[in-house]
Amino acid sequence: MADCECLPKCPFFHDRMTNMPAVAEMMKKRYCKGDSSGCARYMIFKKLGREKVPADLFPHMKEVAEQIISKG
């Protein structure tokens, strides 16, 4: 599988994780490289659009993503 289509411009990794490169790489391996469907940010992006993704949402916060999606 290919990398997530959002990865090149993902504000989470390019703005929030610049000071933690090792952690960022582990998260990218889990959520961005291959199957991105488990990433909370990607879930919202696909259902509601980029503008609805909260800046402070971490990739592992699927429950929060599901709540946001259910509210539309």
C-alpha atoms as a PDB file:
ATOM      1  CA  MET A   1       0.000   0.000   0.000  1.00  0.00           C
ATOM      2  CA  ALA A   2       1.036   3.564  -0.605  1.00  0.00           C
ATOM      3  CA  ASP A   3       1.609   6.311   1.926  1.00  0.00           C
ATOM      4  CA  CYS A   4      -1.369   8.346   3.073  1.00  0.00           C
ATOM      5  CA  GLU A   5      -2.337  11.005   0.573  1.00  0.00           C
ATOM      6  CA  CYS A   6      -2.332  13.591   3.390  1.00  0.00           C
ATOM      7  CA  LEU A   7       1.172  12.836   4.686  1.00  0.00           C
ATOM      8  CA  PRO A   8       3.129  15.344   2.549  1.00  0.00           C
ATOM      9  CA  LYS A   9       1.141  18.274   4.000  1.00  0.00           C
ATOM     10  CA  CYS A  10      -0.174  16.837   7.261  1.00  0.00           C
ATOM     11  CA  PRO A  11      -0.095  19.701   9.780  1.00  0.00           C
ATOM     12  CA  PHE A  12       0.080  17.244  12.656  1.00  0.00           C
ATOM     13  CA  PHE A  13       3.487  15.961  11.598  1.00  0.00           C
ATOM     14  CA  HIS A  14       4.804  19.156  10.055  1.00  0.00           C
ATOM     15  CA  ASP A  15       3.703  21.515  12.836  1.00  0.00           C
ATOM     16  CA  ARG A  16       3.135  19.545  16.029  1.00  0.00           C
ATOM     17  CA  MET A  17       5.723  16.771  15.880  1.00  0.00           C
ATOM     18  CA  THR A  18       8.824  18.599  14.619  1.00  0.00           C
ATOM     19  CA  ASN A  19      10.499  18.408  18.050  1.00  0.00           C
ATOM     20  CA  MET A  20       9.880  14.662  18.415  1.00  0.00           C
ATOM     21  CA  PRO A  21      11.179  13.018  15.234  1.00  0.00           C
ATOM     22  CA  ALA A  22      11.472   9.495  16.686  1.00  0.00           C
ATOM     23  CA  VAL A  23       7.895   9.495  17.970  1.00  0.00           C
ATOM     24  CA  ALA A  24       6.688  11.030  14.715  1.00  0.00           C
ATOM     25  CA  GLU A  25       8.342   8.251  12.713  1.00  0.00           C
ATOM     26  CA  MET A  26       6.737   5.554  14.865  1.00  0.00           C
ATOM     27  CA  MET A  27       3.330   7.169  14.407  1.00  0.00           C
ATOM     28  CA  LYS A  28       3.857   7.567  10.657  1.00  0.00           C
ATOM     29  CA  LYS A  29       4.765   3.896  10.382  1.00  0.00           C
ATOM     30  CA  ARG A  30       1.558   2.895  12.161  1.00  0.00           C
ATOM     31  CA  TYR A  31      -0.940   5.395  10.734  1.00  0.00           C
ATOM     32  CA  CYS A  32       0.465   6.816   7.494  1.00  0.00           C
ATOM     33  CA  LYS A  33       2.467   4.163   5.716  1.00  0.00           C
ATOM     34  CA  GLY A  34       0.169   1.543   4.280  1.00  0.00           C
ATOM     35  CA  ASP A  35      -3.390   1.434   5.580  1.00  0.00           C
ATOM     36  CA  SER A  36      -4.386   4.921   6.787  1.00  0.00           C
ATOM     37  CA  SER A  37      -7.962   3.986   7.654  1.00  0.00           C
ATOM     38  CA  GLY A  38      -7.115   3.706  11.372  1.00  0.00           C
ATOM     39  CA  CYS A  39      -5.915   7.313  11.606  1.00  0.00           C
ATOM     40  CA  ALA A  40      -8.439   9.569  13.315  1.00  0.00           C
ATOM     41  CA  ARG A  41      -7.306  12.540  11.245  1.00  0.00           C
ATOM     42  CA  TYR A  42      -7.702  10.596   8.001  1.00  0.00           C
ATOM     43  CA  MET A  43     -11.144   9.348   9.018  1.00  0.00           C
ATOM     44  CA  ILE A  44     -12.416  12.910   9.394  1.00  0.00           C
ATOM     45  CA  PHE A  45     -10.617  14.070   6.258  1.00  0.00           C
ATOM     46  CA  LYS A  46     -12.325  11.394   4.163  1.00  0.00           C
ATOM     47  CA  LYS A  47     -15.821  11.882   5.630  1.00  0.00           C
ATOM     48  CA  LEU A  48     -15.999  15.631   6.257  1.00  0.00           C
ATOM     49  CA  GLY A  49     -13.045  17.268   4.530  1.00  0.00           C
ATOM     50  CA  ARG A  50      -9.688  18.688   5.561  1.00  0.00           C
ATOM     51  CA  GLU A  51     -11.153  21.824   7.145  1.00  0.00           C
ATOM     52  CA  LYS A  52     -13.040  19.738   9.746  1.00  0.00           C
ATOM     53  CA  VAL A  53      -9.920  18.020  11.117  1.00  0.00           C
ATOM     54  CA  PRO A  54      -9.054  19.599  14.494  1.00  0.00           C
ATOM     55  CA  ALA A  55      -5.462  20.808  14.680  1.00  0.00           C
ATOM     56  CA  ASP A  56      -4.956  19.118  18.051  1.00  0.00           C
ATOM     57  CA  LEU A  57      -6.342  15.694  17.030  1.00  0.00           C
ATOM     58  CA  PHE A  58      -3.816  12.871  17.386  1.00  0.00           C
ATOM     59  CA  PRO A  59      -3.937   9.932  14.946  1.00  0.00           C
ATOM     60  CA  HIS A  60      -4.844   7.453  17.695  1.00  0.00           C
ATOM     61  CA  MET A  61      -7.975   9.387  18.805  1.00  0.00           C
ATOM     62  CA  LYS A  62     -10.474   7.280  16.831  1.00  0.00           C
ATOM     63  CA  GLU A  63     -13.287   7.694  19.378  1.00  0.00           C
ATOM     64  CA  VAL A  64     -13.045  11.478  19.102  1.00  0.00           C
ATOM     65  CA  ALA A  65     -13.020  11.199  15.306  1.00  0.00           C
ATOM     66  CA  GLU A  66     -16.135   9.028  15.376  1.00  0.00           C
ATOM     67  CA  GLN A  67     -17.930  11.622  17.550  1.00  0.00           C
ATOM     68  CA  ILE A  68     -16.957  14.438  15.198  1.00  0.00           C
ATOM     69  CA  ILE A  69     -18.092  12.435  12.173  1.00  0.00           C
ATOM     70  CA  SER A  70     -21.414  11.554  13.802  1.00  0.00           C
ATOM     71  CA  LYS A  71     -22.080  15.268  14.433  1.00  0.00           C
ATOM     72  CA  GLY A  72     -21.191  16.074  10.841  1.00  0.00           C
END
